[in-house]
Amino acid sequence: MNDRTGVAATVAVAAGALIATGYQVSNPATAQAAPDGAAPAIPGLPIEISNGLDQLNKFTESLTAAPEAATPEAAPVAGPELPALPPEITNGIEQLNKLGQDFAAQFAPRAPVVRPVNGAITSGYGARWGAMHSGLDFADAIGTPIASVSNGVVIEAGPASGFGLWVRVKQDDGTTAVYGHVNDITTFVGKRVTAGETIATVGNRGYSTGPHLHLEIWHPSGVKLNPANWLTTHGVKLGLGAANA
């Protein structure tokens, strides 16, 4: 095989692998080998991939069709470096790579999210007593372990105005989980925690009308999200009542 034909084959195989990988990740139900070694059908490719394939086909055809002067056989030596591909081809391959990575990211398993305590929800997110209540309240006994709702890093653990004591965890998705009115803190700043790991216990400190956990979820921009919506979106079952307010 000459250099030009080798380049053509390399480009074609690389493109085929990228397309097959992206399609199989995004369509796991159809990612099966075709009988008798035939290539599987890939319907409905995105327009970016179709355009990229057209460019690659034209390029490989030009390589295999171009005549070359005959050269004598040489003893086996280290393989020659492949010639640089035209920018439109390398750009096309990069786009195909990115599309495959995007497909994989869409179907990658998400980090687990759990309920912080098992206690009943007594107050939801929204207006309350003439002011905005920015969290979700879980009633439970003093000393009940509080679980980190998701994976993240502890960024604050100690006194907090209104809450008495709190713990704040910067979660892997960029949000911050706030645990208020805690009785005891069982973690420390800088510690990496996982979903379900105990970080504190339920208390009645600060401005509180009874033992409970006050949970808030802050968007990276600082906006306080509805914790009930955030938890249920991540598959956590909250039950009836104020959780769905």
C-alpha atoms as a PDB file:
ATOM      1  CA  MET A   1       0.000   0.000   0.000  1.00  0.00           C
ATOM      2  CA  ASN A   2       1.474   3.381  -0.965  1.00  0.00           C
ATOM      3  CA  ASP A   3       1.506   6.447   1.272  1.00  0.00           C
ATOM      4  CA  ARG A   4      -1.445   8.146  -0.406  1.00  0.00           C
ATOM      5  CA  THR A   5      -3.626   5.065  -0.263  1.00  0.00           C
ATOM      6  CA  GLY A   6      -2.599   4.560   3.375  1.00  0.00           C
ATOM      7  CA  VAL A   7      -3.651   8.102   4.233  1.00  0.00           C
ATOM      8  CA  ALA A   8      -6.987   7.585   2.488  1.00  0.00           C
ATOM      9  CA  ALA A   9      -7.621   4.380   4.403  1.00  0.00           C
ATOM     10  CA  THR A  10      -6.598   5.964   7.698  1.00  0.00           C
ATOM     11  CA  VAL A  11      -8.929   8.924   7.218  1.00  0.00           C
ATOM     12  CA  ALA A  12     -11.838   6.711   6.171  1.00  0.00           C
ATOM     13  CA  VAL A  13     -11.408   4.320   9.102  1.00  0.00           C
ATOM     14  CA  ALA A  14     -11.094   7.186  11.603  1.00  0.00           C
ATOM     15  CA  ALA A  15     -14.216   8.874  10.288  1.00  0.00           C
ATOM     16  CA  GLY A  16     -16.171   5.619  10.347  1.00  0.00           C
ATOM     17  CA  ALA A  17     -15.132   4.913  13.935  1.00  0.00           C
ATOM     18  CA  LEU A  18     -16.136   8.383  15.066  1.00  0.00           C
ATOM     19  CA  ILE A  19     -19.531   8.169  13.406  1.00  0.00           C
ATOM     20  CA  ALA A  20     -20.227   4.688  14.730  1.00  0.00           C
ATOM     21  CA  THR A  21     -19.183   5.648  18.265  1.00  0.00           C
ATOM     22  CA  GLY A  22     -21.300   8.801  18.347  1.00  0.00           C
ATOM     23  CA  TYR A  23     -24.324   7.034  16.912  1.00  0.00           C
ATOM     24  CA  GLN A  24     -24.044   4.011  19.191  1.00  0.00           C
ATOM     25  CA  VAL A  25     -23.745   6.178  22.316  1.00  0.00           C
ATOM     26  CA  SER A  26     -26.790   8.212  21.351  1.00  0.00           C
ATOM     27  CA  ASN A  27     -28.737   5.152  20.153  1.00  0.00           C
ATOM     28  CA  PRO A  28     -27.756   2.254  22.499  1.00  0.00           C
ATOM     29  CA  ALA A  29     -30.801   0.217  21.494  1.00  0.00           C
ATOM     30  CA  THR A  30     -29.588  -0.009  17.863  1.00  0.00           C
ATOM     31  CA  ALA A  31     -25.837  -0.352  18.560  1.00  0.00           C
ATOM     32  CA  GLN A  32     -25.608  -4.010  17.447  1.00  0.00           C
ATOM     33  CA  ALA A  33     -23.392  -5.649  14.881  1.00  0.00           C
ATOM     34  CA  ALA A  34     -25.043  -6.301  11.548  1.00  0.00           C
ATOM     35  CA  PRO A  35     -25.297  -9.946  10.398  1.00  0.00           C
ATOM     36  CA  ASP A  36     -22.573 -11.431   8.187  1.00  0.00           C
ATOM     37  CA  GLY A  37     -20.211  -8.583   9.016  1.00  0.00           C
ATOM     38  CA  ALA A  38     -22.233  -6.006   7.072  1.00  0.00           C
ATOM     39  CA  ALA A  39     -21.935  -2.410   8.244  1.00  0.00           C
ATOM     40  CA  PRO A  40     -24.916  -1.345  10.417  1.00  0.00           C
ATOM     41  CA  ALA A  41     -27.355   1.125   8.919  1.00  0.00           C
ATOM     42  CA  ILE A  42     -27.160   4.605  10.444  1.00  0.00           C
ATOM     43  CA  PRO A  43     -30.304   6.575   9.637  1.00  0.00           C
ATOM     44  CA  GLY A  44     -30.829  10.268  10.223  1.00  0.00           C
ATOM     45  CA  LEU A  45     -27.256  11.498  10.766  1.00  0.00           C
ATOM     46  CA  PRO A  46     -26.933  15.150  11.870  1.00  0.00           C
ATOM     47  CA  ILE A  47     -26.194  17.535   8.976  1.00  0.00           C
ATOM     48  CA  GLU A  48     -22.750  18.373  10.440  1.00  0.00           C
ATOM     49  CA  ILE A  49     -21.709  14.711  10.243  1.00  0.00           C
ATOM     50  CA  SER A  50     -23.126  14.267   6.729  1.00  0.00           C
ATOM     51  CA  ASN A  51     -21.193  17.319   5.477  1.00  0.00           C
ATOM     52  CA  GLY A  52     -18.042  16.095   7.172  1.00  0.00           C
ATOM     53  CA  LEU A  53     -18.372  12.681   5.535  1.00  0.00           C
ATOM     54  CA  ASP A  54     -18.855  14.246   2.103  1.00  0.00           C
ATOM     55  CA  GLN A  55     -15.629  16.219   2.529  1.00  0.00           C
ATOM     56  CA  LEU A  56     -13.733  13.146   3.732  1.00  0.00           C
ATOM     57  CA  ASN A  57     -15.028  11.032   0.815  1.00  0.00           C
ATOM     58  CA  LYS A  58     -13.894  13.627  -1.741  1.00  0.00           C
ATOM     59  CA  PHE A  59     -10.491  13.821  -0.103  1.00  0.00           C
ATOM     60  CA  THR A  60      -9.946  10.048  -0.023  1.00  0.00           C
ATOM     61  CA  GLU A  61     -11.095   9.742  -3.663  1.00  0.00           C
ATOM     62  CA  SER A  62      -8.561  12.370  -4.725  1.00  0.00           C
ATOM     63  CA  LEU A  63      -5.785  10.465  -2.938  1.00  0.00           C
ATOM     64  CA  THR A  64      -6.566   7.069  -4.436  1.00  0.00           C
ATOM     65  CA  ALA A  65      -7.190   8.457  -7.946  1.00  0.00           C
ATOM     66  CA  ALA A  66      -3.964  10.475  -8.227  1.00  0.00           C
ATOM     67  CA  PRO A  67      -1.268   8.674 -10.344  1.00  0.00           C
ATOM     68  CA  GLU A  68       2.149   8.069  -8.880  1.00  0.00           C
ATOM     69  CA  ALA A  69       5.536   7.260 -10.417  1.00  0.00           C
ATOM     70  CA  ALA A  70       6.662   3.691  -9.918  1.00  0.00           C
ATOM     71  CA  THR A  71       9.367   3.284  -7.318  1.00  0.00           C
ATOM     72  CA  PRO A  72      11.560   0.255  -6.602  1.00  0.00           C
ATOM     73  CA  GLU A  73      10.839  -1.887  -3.573  1.00  0.00           C
ATOM     74  CA  ALA A  74      12.901  -0.880  -0.562  1.00  0.00           C
ATOM     75  CA  ALA A  75      13.929  -2.870   2.480  1.00  0.00           C
ATOM     76  CA  PRO A  76      11.506  -2.497   5.424  1.00  0.00           C
ATOM     77  CA  VAL A  77      12.267   0.644   7.413  1.00  0.00           C
ATOM     78  CA  ALA A  78      10.391   2.850   9.839  1.00  0.00           C
ATOM     79  CA  GLY A  79       7.104   3.906   8.281  1.00  0.00           C
ATOM     80  CA  PRO A  80       6.998   7.354   6.659  1.00  0.00           C
ATOM     81  CA  GLU A  81       5.186  10.131   8.395  1.00  0.00           C
ATOM     82  CA  LEU A  82       1.726  10.758   7.034  1.00  0.00           C
ATOM     83  CA  PRO A  83       1.450  14.027   5.096  1.00  0.00           C
ATOM     84  CA  ALA A  84      -0.439  16.852   6.736  1.00  0.00           C
ATOM     85  CA  LEU A  85      -4.153  16.771   6.030  1.00  0.00           C
ATOM     86  CA  PRO A  86      -5.854  19.852   4.554  1.00  0.00           C
ATOM     87  CA  PRO A  87      -7.419  22.193   7.149  1.00  0.00           C
ATOM     88  CA  GLU A  88     -10.969  21.442   5.999  1.00  0.00           C
ATOM     89  CA  ILE A  89     -10.383  17.742   6.694  1.00  0.00           C
ATOM     90  CA  THR A  90      -8.756  18.216  10.103  1.00  0.00           C
ATOM     91  CA  ASN A  91     -11.507  20.655  11.045  1.00  0.00           C
ATOM     92  CA  GLY A  92     -14.108  18.113   9.958  1.00  0.00           C
ATOM     93  CA  ILE A  93     -12.508  15.397  12.087  1.00  0.00           C
ATOM     94  CA  GLU A  94     -12.408  17.745  15.088  1.00  0.00           C
ATOM     95  CA  GLN A  95     -16.108  18.513  14.640  1.00  0.00           C
ATOM     96  CA  LEU A  96     -16.911  14.805  14.442  1.00  0.00           C
ATOM     97  CA  ASN A  97     -14.882  14.190  17.604  1.00  0.00           C
ATOM     98  CA  LYS A  98     -16.750  16.937  19.437  1.00  0.00           C
ATOM     99  CA  LEU A  99     -20.127  15.597  18.297  1.00  0.00           C
ATOM    100  CA  GLY A 100     -19.195  12.145  19.569  1.00  0.00           C
ATOM    101  CA  GLN A 101     -18.115  13.588  22.924  1.00  0.00           C
ATOM    102  CA  ASP A 102     -21.362  15.572  23.183  1.00  0.00           C
ATOM    103  CA  PHE A 103     -23.396  12.437  22.504  1.00  0.00           C
ATOM    104  CA  ALA A 104     -21.452  10.540  25.178  1.00  0.00           C
ATOM    105  CA  ALA A 105     -21.926  13.348  27.728  1.00  0.00           C
ATOM    106  CA  GLN A 106     -25.693  13.334  27.190  1.00  0.00           C
ATOM    107  CA  PHE A 107     -25.928   9.667  28.104  1.00  0.00           C
ATOM    108  CA  ALA A 108     -23.260   9.534  30.812  1.00  0.00           C
ATOM    109  CA  PRO A 109     -24.613   8.598  34.263  1.00  0.00           C
ATOM    110  CA  ARG A 110     -25.300  11.604  36.479  1.00  0.00           C
ATOM    111  CA  ALA A 111     -23.911  11.942  39.984  1.00  0.00           C
ATOM    112  CA  PRO A 112     -26.280  10.492  42.594  1.00  0.00           C
ATOM    113  CA  VAL A 113     -28.574  12.820  44.542  1.00  0.00           C
ATOM    114  CA  VAL A 114     -30.262  11.786  47.802  1.00  0.00           C
ATOM    115  CA  ARG A 115     -32.725  13.087  50.382  1.00  0.00           C
ATOM    116  CA  PRO A 116     -30.846  14.835  53.222  1.00  0.00           C
ATOM    117  CA  VAL A 117     -33.070  13.395  55.997  1.00  0.00           C
ATOM    118  CA  ASN A 118     -36.184  11.227  56.132  1.00  0.00           C
ATOM    119  CA  GLY A 119     -38.292  13.695  58.119  1.00  0.00           C
ATOM    120  CA  ALA A 120     -41.536  15.207  56.825  1.00  0.00           C
ATOM    121  CA  ILE A 121     -41.426  18.430  54.841  1.00  0.00           C
ATOM    122  CA  THR A 122     -43.115  21.172  56.849  1.00  0.00           C
ATOM    123  CA  SER A 123     -42.462  24.258  54.752  1.00  0.00           C
ATOM    124  CA  GLY A 124     -41.710  24.776  51.069  1.00  0.00           C
ATOM    125  CA  TYR A 125     -40.022  27.365  48.907  1.00  0.00           C
ATOM    126  CA  GLY A 126     -41.947  30.617  48.441  1.00  0.00           C
ATOM    127  CA  ALA A 127     -43.694  33.402  50.304  1.00  0.00           C
ATOM    128  CA  ARG A 128     -44.185  32.739  54.021  1.00  0.00           C
ATOM    129  CA  TRP A 129     -45.296  35.088  56.789  1.00  0.00           C
ATOM    130  CA  GLY A 130     -44.844  38.108  54.523  1.00  0.00           C
ATOM    131  CA  ALA A 131     -41.301  37.211  53.489  1.00  0.00           C
ATOM    132  CA  MET A 132     -39.545  34.933  51.036  1.00  0.00           C
ATOM    133  CA  HIS A 133     -38.702  31.480  52.364  1.00  0.00           C
ATOM    134  CA  SER A 134     -35.845  30.369  50.098  1.00  0.00           C
ATOM    135  CA  GLY A 135     -35.501  26.811  51.295  1.00  0.00           C
ATOM    136  CA  LEU A 136     -37.165  23.533  52.089  1.00  0.00           C
ATOM    137  CA  ASP A 137     -37.736  22.567  55.749  1.00  0.00           C
ATOM    138  CA  PHE A 138     -37.498  18.944  56.900  1.00  0.00           C
ATOM    139  CA  ALA A 139     -38.749  18.291  60.460  1.00  0.00           C
ATOM    140  CA  ASP A 140     -36.732  15.694  62.360  1.00  0.00           C
ATOM    141  CA  ALA A 141     -35.370  14.973  65.831  1.00  0.00           C
ATOM    142  CA  ILE A 142     -32.349  16.829  67.164  1.00  0.00           C
ATOM    143  CA  GLY A 143     -29.229  14.812  66.431  1.00  0.00           C
ATOM    144  CA  THR A 144     -30.597  13.103  63.309  1.00  0.00           C
ATOM    145  CA  PRO A 145     -27.748  12.660  60.773  1.00  0.00           C
ATOM    146  CA  ILE A 146     -27.917  15.001  57.758  1.00  0.00           C
ATOM    147  CA  ALA A 147     -26.648  13.558  54.478  1.00  0.00           C
ATOM    148  CA  SER A 148     -24.992  15.596  51.751  1.00  0.00           C
ATOM    149  CA  VAL A 149     -27.520  15.582  48.920  1.00  0.00           C
ATOM    150  CA  SER A 150     -24.821  15.308  46.225  1.00  0.00           C
ATOM    151  CA  ASN A 151     -21.088  15.052  45.632  1.00  0.00           C
ATOM    152  CA  GLY A 152     -19.076  18.189  46.290  1.00  0.00           C
ATOM    153  CA  VAL A 153     -16.607  20.077  48.477  1.00  0.00           C
ATOM    154  CA  VAL A 154     -17.374  21.735  51.822  1.00  0.00           C
ATOM    155  CA  ILE A 155     -16.771  25.478  51.473  1.00  0.00           C
ATOM    156  CA  GLU A 156     -18.129  26.665  54.837  1.00  0.00           C
ATOM    157  CA  ALA A 157     -18.951  25.024  58.168  1.00  0.00           C
ATOM    158  CA  GLY A 158     -19.677  27.125  61.237  1.00  0.00           C
ATOM    159  CA  PRO A 159     -21.720  30.039  62.615  1.00  0.00           C
ATOM    160  CA  ALA A 160     -24.188  31.796  60.301  1.00  0.00           C
ATOM    161  CA  SER A 161     -26.603  34.659  60.916  1.00  0.00           C
ATOM    162  CA  GLY A 162     -30.166  33.403  61.326  1.00  0.00           C
ATOM    163  CA  PHE A 163     -29.155  29.765  61.034  1.00  0.00           C
ATOM    164  CA  GLY A 164     -27.062  29.477  64.188  1.00  0.00           C
ATOM    165  CA  LEU A 165     -24.779  26.977  62.464  1.00  0.00           C
ATOM    166  CA  TRP A 166     -24.677  25.939  58.836  1.00  0.00           C
ATOM    167  CA  VAL A 167     -22.738  23.859  56.324  1.00  0.00           C
ATOM    168  CA  ARG A 168     -22.334  24.873  52.678  1.00  0.00           C
ATOM    169  CA  VAL A 169     -21.227  22.411  49.998  1.00  0.00           C
ATOM    170  CA  LYS A 170     -20.151  23.432  46.494  1.00  0.00           C
ATOM    171  CA  GLN A 171     -21.596  20.619  44.401  1.00  0.00           C
ATOM    172  CA  ASP A 172     -20.083  19.119  41.280  1.00  0.00           C
ATOM    173  CA  ASP A 173     -22.806  20.611  39.061  1.00  0.00           C
ATOM    174  CA  GLY A 174     -21.810  24.137  40.164  1.00  0.00           C
ATOM    175  CA  THR A 175     -24.694  24.690  42.587  1.00  0.00           C
ATOM    176  CA  THR A 176     -24.232  25.208  46.329  1.00  0.00           C
ATOM    177  CA  ALA A 177     -26.243  23.270  48.914  1.00  0.00           C
ATOM    178  CA  VAL A 178     -26.906  25.081  52.205  1.00  0.00           C
ATOM    179  CA  TYR A 179     -27.812  23.178  55.385  1.00  0.00           C
ATOM    180  CA  GLY A 180     -29.102  25.474  58.141  1.00  0.00           C
ATOM    181  CA  HIS A 181     -30.025  25.301  61.870  1.00  0.00           C
ATOM    182  CA  VAL A 182     -27.724  22.279  62.341  1.00  0.00           C
ATOM    183  CA  ASN A 183     -26.888  21.083  65.834  1.00  0.00           C
ATOM    184  CA  ASP A 184     -23.467  19.498  65.256  1.00  0.00           C
ATOM    185  CA  ILE A 185     -21.085  19.773  62.320  1.00  0.00           C
ATOM    186  CA  THR A 186     -19.324  16.522  61.429  1.00  0.00           C
ATOM    187  CA  THR A 187     -17.277  17.728  58.460  1.00  0.00           C
ATOM    188  CA  PHE A 188     -14.773  20.488  57.729  1.00  0.00           C
ATOM    189  CA  VAL A 189     -13.960  23.092  55.095  1.00  0.00           C
ATOM    190  CA  GLY A 190     -12.094  21.651  52.134  1.00  0.00           C
ATOM    191  CA  LYS A 191     -13.341  18.103  52.621  1.00  0.00           C
ATOM    192  CA  ARG A 192     -14.720  16.317  49.570  1.00  0.00           C
ATOM    193  CA  VAL A 193     -18.023  14.651  50.398  1.00  0.00           C
ATOM    194  CA  THR A 194     -20.202  12.207  48.504  1.00  0.00           C
ATOM    195  CA  ALA A 195     -23.971  11.910  48.230  1.00  0.00           C
ATOM    196  CA  GLY A 196     -25.313  10.268  51.397  1.00  0.00           C
ATOM    197  CA  GLU A 197     -22.289  11.119  53.561  1.00  0.00           C
ATOM    198  CA  THR A 198     -23.145  12.586  56.986  1.00  0.00           C
ATOM    199  CA  ILE A 199     -22.028  16.215  57.259  1.00  0.00           C
ATOM    200  CA  ALA A 200     -24.045  17.461  60.272  1.00  0.00           C
ATOM    201  CA  THR A 201     -27.001  16.688  62.542  1.00  0.00           C
ATOM    202  CA  VAL A 202     -30.465  18.234  62.759  1.00  0.00           C
ATOM    203  CA  GLY A 203     -30.751  21.065  65.283  1.00  0.00           C
ATOM    204  CA  ASN A 204     -32.861  23.978  66.443  1.00  0.00           C
ATOM    205  CA  ARG A 205     -30.312  26.790  66.402  1.00  0.00           C
ATOM    206  CA  GLY A 206     -30.787  30.337  65.173  1.00  0.00           C
ATOM    207  CA  TYR A 207     -34.230  31.647  64.234  1.00  0.00           C
ATOM    208  CA  SER A 208     -36.114  28.379  64.416  1.00  0.00           C
ATOM    209  CA  THR A 209     -39.552  27.299  65.625  1.00  0.00           C
ATOM    210  CA  GLY A 210     -38.582  23.664  66.184  1.00  0.00           C
ATOM    211  CA  PRO A 211     -36.005  21.020  65.285  1.00  0.00           C
ATOM    212  CA  HIS A 212     -35.600  20.851  61.515  1.00  0.00           C
ATOM    213  CA  LEU A 213     -33.203  21.062  58.599  1.00  0.00           C
ATOM    214  CA  HIS A 214     -33.461  24.087  56.331  1.00  0.00           C
ATOM    215  CA  LEU A 215     -32.076  23.190  52.882  1.00  0.00           C
ATOM    216  CA  GLU A 216     -31.303  25.712  50.156  1.00  0.00           C
ATOM    217  CA  ILE A 217     -29.849  25.236  46.638  1.00  0.00           C
ATOM    218  CA  TRP A 218     -28.007  28.208  45.142  1.00  0.00           C
ATOM    219  CA  HIS A 219     -27.398  28.567  41.424  1.00  0.00           C
ATOM    220  CA  PRO A 220     -23.772  29.463  40.490  1.00  0.00           C
ATOM    221  CA  SER A 221     -25.054  33.004  39.781  1.00  0.00           C
ATOM    222  CA  GLY A 222     -26.233  33.286  43.401  1.00  0.00           C
ATOM    223  CA  VAL A 223     -29.948  32.893  42.651  1.00  0.00           C
ATOM    224  CA  LYS A 224     -31.693  30.679  45.212  1.00  0.00           C
ATOM    225  CA  LEU A 225     -33.453  27.833  43.435  1.00  0.00           C
ATOM    226  CA  ASN A 226     -36.495  25.885  44.574  1.00  0.00           C
ATOM    227  CA  PRO A 227     -34.916  22.886  46.378  1.00  0.00           C
ATOM    228  CA  ALA A 228     -38.008  20.726  45.790  1.00  0.00           C
ATOM    229  CA  ASN A 229     -37.748  21.210  42.034  1.00  0.00           C
ATOM    230  CA  TRP A 230     -34.001  20.606  42.055  1.00  0.00           C
ATOM    231  CA  LEU A 231     -34.317  17.396  44.087  1.00  0.00           C
ATOM    232  CA  THR A 232     -37.205  15.944  42.090  1.00  0.00           C
ATOM    233  CA  THR A 233     -35.462  16.789  38.805  1.00  0.00           C
ATOM    234  CA  HIS A 234     -32.582  14.637  40.048  1.00  0.00           C
ATOM    235  CA  GLY A 235     -34.879  11.711  40.853  1.00  0.00           C
ATOM    236  CA  VAL A 236     -35.446  12.240  44.590  1.00  0.00           C
ATOM    237  CA  LYS A 237     -38.932  11.364  45.862  1.00  0.00           C
ATOM    238  CA  LEU A 238     -40.202  13.935  48.344  1.00  0.00           C
ATOM    239  CA  GLY A 239     -43.815  12.882  48.916  1.00  0.00           C
ATOM    240  CA  LEU A 240     -46.890  15.060  49.216  1.00  0.00           C
ATOM    241  CA  GLY A 241     -47.500  18.395  50.892  1.00  0.00           C
ATOM    242  CA  ALA A 242     -45.292  21.447  51.084  1.00  0.00           C
ATOM    243  CA  ALA A 243     -42.543  19.695  49.089  1.00  0.00           C
ATOM    244  CA  ASN A 244     -44.585  20.255  45.954  1.00  0.00           C
ATOM    245  CA  ALA A 245     -45.533  23.857  46.693  1.00  0.00           C
END
